[in-house]
Amino acid sequence: MVTPSSTSLVEFKNVRFGYGQRLILDDVSFTIPRGKVTALMGASGGGKTTVMRLIGGQFKAQQGQVMLHGLKGSGEALDVGRMHRDALYLARRRMGMLFQFGALFTDLSVFDNVAFPLREHTNLSEDLIRDVVLMKLNAVGLRGARDLMPSEVSGGMARRVALARAIALDPELVMYDEPFAGLDPISLGTAARLIRQLNDAMGLTSIVVSHDLEETFHIADQVIIIANGKIAAQGTPDEVRHSANPLVHQFVNALPEGPVRFHYPAASVDADFSTGAAQ
């Protein structure tokens, strides 16, 4: 039995996973510390969103274990891949998810979007649901927008509504899939500040998948960079920024050349052009 003082909430143990013949994660091990903001970073298609799907039980590791340590409602440390349906659904109620671009229900108002998980997963009265929804909207600065439709709010506001919905059930773990994508600098800064403030005020554990280095490094306690199916770097933002790994150095400095090449592998220029001339 894991005690409440356990320092990790999620642990990957030698996890291997792929889609068909394409290997995404190859013997990957890391921990997500309880109460902290962990950033998952790396090149597109490197497996960051796959990590969140494995945590949520959408996929099962083909090898190794994805462990939840003492998540309320799931009791002792459990392997997500071995959970039966009821236990998995119970564990998911302790997780919140902010999807890329918000993924609001377009035919529901701001209020009803946030109320949706409360109506689906609790037996609260409508009066109590109203109070909870208004508190969550107030936490993201949008209590006054309760009656608007998603089409009537900006992209940044929609992201904040989605955040209010993600925390509606008071989860312990919140996962953010590209929360800063497509936002203007003001909205981006607001979203980043909210992630940090809500994590600390509500005692959450947060996982942030993002390509925005500056804002993500500013709010993260731990950064994990995934590359080529492995953990290329793991540590504090400062430790990762000064990593000697050539791929990490290229990534954090946005260099066009390095282990990740600009040119896709091809025959030499001379060979290609001489072949064309001969034809």
Protein backbone atom coordinates (compact mmCIF):
# COMPACT_ATOMS: atom_id res chain seq x y z
CA MET A 1 0.00 0.00 0.00
CA VAL A 2 1.37 3.40 -0.99
CA THR A 3 1.10 6.04 1.72
CA PRO A 4 -0.24 9.56 0.99
CA SER A 5 3.28 10.90 1.42
CA SER A 6 4.46 9.04 -1.69
CA THR A 7 6.41 11.51 -3.80
CA SER A 8 5.24 10.20 -7.18
CA LEU A 9 1.73 10.00 -8.56
CA VAL A 10 2.52 8.36 -11.92
CA GLU A 11 5.39 6.02 -12.74
CA PHE A 12 6.40 4.51 -16.07
CA LYS A 13 8.41 1.31 -15.66
CA ASN A 14 10.22 0.05 -18.77
CA VAL A 15 7.28 0.93 -20.99
CA ARG A 16 7.29 -0.12 -24.62
CA PHE A 17 4.54 0.94 -27.03
CA GLY A 18 4.09 1.36 -30.75
CA TYR A 19 1.54 1.66 -33.52
CA GLY A 20 1.87 -1.33 -35.82
CA GLN A 21 5.52 -1.55 -36.87
CA ARG A 22 6.27 1.98 -35.65
CA LEU A 23 7.84 1.97 -32.18
CA ILE A 24 6.96 5.12 -30.19
CA LEU A 25 8.24 4.38 -26.67
CA ASP A 26 11.13 1.98 -26.18
CA ASP A 27 11.83 0.82 -22.60
CA VAL A 28 10.90 4.22 -21.15
CA SER A 29 11.01 4.84 -17.38
CA PHE A 30 10.23 8.06 -15.49
CA THR A 31 8.10 9.42 -12.65
CA ILE A 32 5.62 12.27 -12.38
CA PRO A 33 6.08 13.86 -8.93
CA ARG A 34 3.00 14.55 -6.85
CA GLY A 35 1.96 18.19 -6.57
CA LYS A 36 4.32 19.42 -9.30
CA VAL A 37 4.05 20.64 -12.90
CA THR A 38 5.82 18.27 -15.29
CA ALA A 39 6.38 19.28 -18.91
CA LEU A 40 6.56 16.62 -21.64
CA MET A 41 8.43 17.97 -24.64
CA GLY A 42 10.04 16.78 -27.83
CA ALA A 43 9.60 16.79 -31.58
CA SER A 44 6.16 16.26 -33.11
CA GLY A 45 5.20 12.59 -33.26
CA GLY A 46 7.65 11.68 -30.51
CA GLY A 47 5.13 10.11 -28.16
CA LYS A 48 4.05 12.89 -25.80
CA THR A 49 0.30 12.54 -26.37
CA THR A 50 0.74 8.76 -26.35
CA VAL A 51 2.10 9.05 -22.80
CA MET A 52 -1.11 10.77 -21.70
CA ARG A 53 -3.25 8.16 -23.44
CA LEU A 54 -1.38 5.42 -21.62
CA ILE A 55 -1.95 7.18 -18.29
CA GLY A 56 -5.67 7.53 -19.04
CA GLY A 57 -5.96 3.90 -20.08
CA GLN A 58 -6.94 4.58 -23.70
CA PHE A 59 -3.98 2.41 -24.69
CA LYS A 60 -2.19 -0.36 -22.82
CA ALA A 61 1.57 -0.67 -22.67
CA GLN A 62 2.80 -3.54 -24.80
CA GLN A 63 5.57 -4.08 -22.29
CA GLY A 64 6.25 -2.65 -18.83
CA GLN A 65 3.90 -0.89 -16.43
CA VAL A 66 2.14 2.46 -16.09
CA MET A 67 1.53 2.84 -12.37
CA LEU A 68 -0.83 5.18 -10.50
CA HIS A 69 0.38 5.62 -6.95
CA GLY A 70 -2.37 6.11 -4.39
CA LEU A 71 -4.79 8.02 -6.61
CA LYS A 72 -7.91 8.59 -4.52
CA GLY A 73 -10.61 6.16 -5.48
CA SER A 74 -8.15 3.63 -6.88
CA GLY A 75 -6.63 2.67 -3.51
CA GLU A 76 -3.14 1.20 -3.66
CA ALA A 77 -0.66 1.55 -6.49
CA LEU A 78 -2.22 0.06 -9.60
CA ASP A 79 -1.04 -0.79 -13.11
CA VAL A 80 -3.33 1.07 -15.52
CA GLY A 81 -2.98 -1.68 -18.09
CA ARG A 82 -4.36 -4.26 -15.66
CA MET A 83 -7.31 -2.26 -14.32
CA HIS A 84 -10.77 -3.64 -14.97
CA ARG A 85 -13.29 -1.25 -16.49
CA ASP A 86 -14.94 -0.02 -13.26
CA ALA A 87 -11.59 0.68 -11.58
CA LEU A 88 -10.34 2.49 -14.68
CA TYR A 89 -13.46 4.67 -14.85
CA LEU A 90 -13.10 5.45 -11.15
CA ALA A 91 -9.48 6.45 -11.65
CA ARG A 92 -10.39 8.62 -14.64
CA ARG A 93 -12.76 10.60 -12.46
CA ARG A 94 -9.68 11.73 -10.53
CA MET A 95 -8.10 13.00 -13.76
CA GLY A 96 -8.84 16.15 -15.71
CA MET A 97 -7.99 16.66 -19.37
CA LEU A 98 -7.58 19.86 -21.33
CA PHE A 99 -7.65 18.92 -25.00
CA GLN A 100 -5.82 20.83 -27.70
CA PHE A 101 -7.91 23.89 -28.71
CA GLY A 102 -10.34 23.20 -25.84
CA ALA A 103 -12.74 20.76 -27.54
CA LEU A 104 -15.82 22.45 -26.11
CA PHE A 105 -19.30 21.18 -26.96
CA THR A 106 -20.36 23.75 -29.54
CA ASP A 107 -24.11 23.40 -28.85
CA LEU A 108 -23.73 23.92 -25.09
CA SER A 109 -23.23 27.23 -23.31
CA VAL A 110 -20.10 28.02 -21.33
CA PHE A 111 -22.02 27.17 -18.15
CA ASP A 112 -23.30 23.85 -19.49
CA ASN A 113 -19.88 22.85 -20.80
CA VAL A 114 -18.44 23.14 -17.30
CA ALA A 115 -21.51 21.53 -15.74
CA PHE A 116 -21.34 18.54 -18.10
CA PRO A 117 -18.94 16.32 -16.06
CA LEU A 118 -20.79 17.17 -12.83
CA ARG A 119 -24.11 16.11 -14.33
CA GLU A 120 -22.59 12.96 -15.83
CA HIS A 121 -20.60 11.74 -12.85
CA THR A 122 -22.28 13.05 -9.69
CA ASN A 123 -25.70 13.17 -8.07
CA LEU A 124 -25.41 16.81 -7.06
CA SER A 125 -28.52 18.97 -7.18
CA GLU A 126 -28.75 21.66 -9.85
CA ASP A 127 -28.34 24.31 -7.15
CA LEU A 128 -25.03 22.76 -6.02
CA ILE A 129 -23.91 22.27 -9.61
CA ARG A 130 -24.60 25.96 -10.25
CA ASP A 131 -22.42 26.95 -7.31
CA VAL A 132 -19.57 24.65 -8.34
CA VAL A 133 -19.67 25.80 -11.97
CA LEU A 134 -19.62 29.46 -10.99
CA MET A 135 -16.68 28.84 -8.64
CA LYS A 136 -14.70 27.10 -11.37
CA LEU A 137 -15.51 29.81 -13.91
CA ASN A 138 -14.55 32.46 -11.38
CA ALA A 139 -11.19 30.70 -10.88
CA VAL A 140 -10.43 31.18 -14.58
CA GLY A 141 -11.87 34.70 -14.73
CA LEU A 142 -14.97 33.86 -16.78
CA ARG A 143 -17.89 33.84 -14.34
CA GLY A 144 -19.42 36.69 -16.33
CA ALA A 145 -19.29 34.65 -19.56
CA ARG A 146 -21.47 31.82 -18.23
CA ASP A 147 -24.31 32.36 -20.71
CA LEU A 148 -22.19 32.75 -23.84
CA MET A 149 -21.87 30.04 -26.48
CA PRO A 150 -18.43 28.72 -27.56
CA SER A 151 -18.81 30.58 -30.86
CA GLU A 152 -19.09 33.84 -28.91
CA VAL A 153 -15.80 33.56 -27.01
CA SER A 154 -12.22 34.02 -28.19
CA GLY A 155 -9.74 31.19 -28.54
CA GLY A 156 -8.05 32.14 -25.29
CA MET A 157 -11.36 32.30 -23.44
CA ALA A 158 -12.40 28.93 -24.89
CA ARG A 159 -9.18 27.42 -23.51
CA ARG A 160 -10.01 28.83 -20.07
CA VAL A 161 -13.55 27.43 -20.23
CA ALA A 162 -12.03 24.05 -21.07
CA LEU A 163 -9.72 24.40 -18.08
CA ALA A 164 -12.69 25.14 -15.80
CA ARG A 165 -14.35 21.98 -17.15
CA ALA A 166 -11.16 19.96 -16.59
CA ILE A 167 -11.10 20.88 -12.89
CA ALA A 168 -14.87 20.63 -12.33
CA LEU A 169 -14.60 17.30 -10.48
CA ASP A 170 -11.64 18.45 -8.37
CA PRO A 171 -9.16 16.01 -9.94
CA GLU A 172 -5.77 15.15 -8.54
CA LEU A 173 -4.11 14.89 -11.94
CA VAL A 174 -4.69 17.31 -14.83
CA MET A 175 -3.21 16.67 -18.27
CA TYR A 176 -2.83 19.49 -20.80
CA ASP A 177 -2.38 18.70 -24.50
CA GLU A 178 -0.80 21.73 -26.20
CA PRO A 179 -2.61 24.30 -24.00
CA PHE A 180 -0.79 27.23 -25.63
CA ALA A 181 -1.28 26.32 -29.31
CA GLY A 182 -2.73 29.14 -31.39
CA LEU A 183 -2.94 31.68 -28.55
CA ASP A 184 -1.84 35.31 -28.75
CA PRO A 185 0.89 36.38 -26.27
CA ILE A 186 -1.60 37.78 -23.73
CA SER A 187 -3.83 34.70 -23.77
CA LEU A 188 -0.80 32.43 -23.71
CA GLY A 189 0.62 34.15 -20.65
CA THR A 190 -2.78 34.02 -18.94
CA ALA A 191 -3.15 30.29 -19.64
CA ALA A 192 0.35 29.55 -18.35
CA ARG A 193 -0.22 31.54 -15.18
CA LEU A 194 -3.53 29.75 -14.55
CA ILE A 195 -1.93 26.32 -14.93
CA ARG A 196 0.69 27.21 -12.32
CA GLN A 197 -1.72 28.96 -9.94
CA LEU A 198 -4.38 26.24 -10.06
CA ASN A 199 -1.76 23.53 -9.60
CA ASP A 200 -0.50 25.17 -6.41
CA ALA A 201 -3.84 26.39 -5.04
CA MET A 202 -5.68 23.09 -5.57
CA GLY A 203 -2.77 20.78 -4.77
CA LEU A 204 -2.86 19.27 -8.27
CA THR A 205 -0.33 17.26 -10.21
CA SER A 206 -0.06 18.63 -13.76
CA ILE A 207 1.35 17.19 -16.97
CA VAL A 208 1.81 19.75 -19.76
CA VAL A 209 2.55 18.73 -23.35
CA SER A 210 3.81 21.80 -25.16
CA HIS A 211 6.23 23.09 -27.78
CA ASP A 212 6.35 26.59 -26.27
CA LEU A 213 9.73 26.53 -24.55
CA GLU A 214 9.76 29.84 -22.72
CA GLU A 215 6.33 29.68 -21.09
CA THR A 216 6.57 25.97 -20.36
CA PHE A 217 10.03 26.22 -18.82
CA HIS A 218 8.79 29.16 -16.75
CA ILE A 219 5.96 27.21 -15.07
CA ALA A 220 7.41 23.67 -14.95
CA ASP A 221 9.10 22.03 -11.98
CA GLN A 222 10.33 19.13 -14.10
CA VAL A 223 10.92 18.77 -17.85
CA ILE A 224 11.05 15.44 -19.69
CA ILE A 225 12.18 15.44 -23.32
CA ILE A 226 11.24 12.37 -25.36
CA ALA A 227 13.16 11.64 -28.55
CA ASN A 228 13.59 8.55 -30.70
CA GLY A 229 11.53 6.50 -28.28
CA LYS A 230 13.78 7.28 -25.31
CA ILE A 231 14.11 9.87 -22.56
CA ALA A 232 16.65 12.31 -23.99
CA ALA A 233 16.69 14.55 -20.91
CA GLN A 234 14.93 14.83 -17.55
CA GLY A 235 15.38 17.38 -14.80
CA THR A 236 14.63 20.95 -13.82
CA PRO A 237 14.17 23.46 -16.66
CA ASP A 238 17.65 24.84 -15.99
CA GLU A 239 19.23 21.38 -16.06
CA VAL A 240 17.52 20.51 -19.33
CA ARG A 241 18.40 23.87 -20.89
CA HIS A 242 22.09 23.16 -20.23
CA SER A 243 22.00 19.50 -21.26
CA ALA A 244 25.04 18.25 -23.20
CA ASN A 245 22.86 15.94 -25.31
CA PRO A 246 23.18 17.24 -28.92
CA LEU A 247 19.51 16.56 -29.70
CA VAL A 248 18.32 18.36 -26.56
CA HIS A 249 20.69 21.25 -27.32
CA GLN A 250 19.20 21.54 -30.82
CA PHE A 251 15.65 21.38 -29.48
CA VAL A 252 15.91 23.96 -26.69
CA ASN A 253 17.86 26.38 -28.89
CA ALA A 254 15.61 25.89 -31.96
CA LEU A 255 18.61 25.15 -34.20
CA PRO A 256 17.81 24.21 -37.83
CA GLU A 257 20.68 21.73 -38.02
CA GLY A 258 21.76 19.01 -35.65
CA PRO A 259 20.74 15.40 -35.03
CA VAL A 260 17.36 16.32 -36.53
CA ARG A 261 18.24 17.16 -40.12
CA PHE A 262 16.58 19.80 -42.31
CA HIS A 263 16.83 17.60 -45.42
CA TYR A 264 14.92 14.32 -45.56
CA PRO A 265 17.33 11.47 -46.52
CA ALA A 266 17.77 11.37 -50.29
CA ALA A 267 20.27 10.56 -52.99
CA SER A 268 23.01 13.12 -53.54
CA VAL A 269 22.10 16.26 -55.47
CA ASP A 270 24.61 15.35 -58.21
CA ALA A 271 23.12 11.90 -58.60
CA ASP A 272 19.53 13.19 -58.79
CA PHE A 273 20.26 15.97 -61.28
CA SER A 274 22.58 13.90 -63.46
CA THR A 275 19.91 11.20 -63.65
CA GLY A 276 17.36 13.79 -64.75
CA ALA A 277 19.70 15.17 -67.41
CA ALA A 278 20.38 11.69 -68.79
CA GLN A 279 16.65 11.14 -69.29
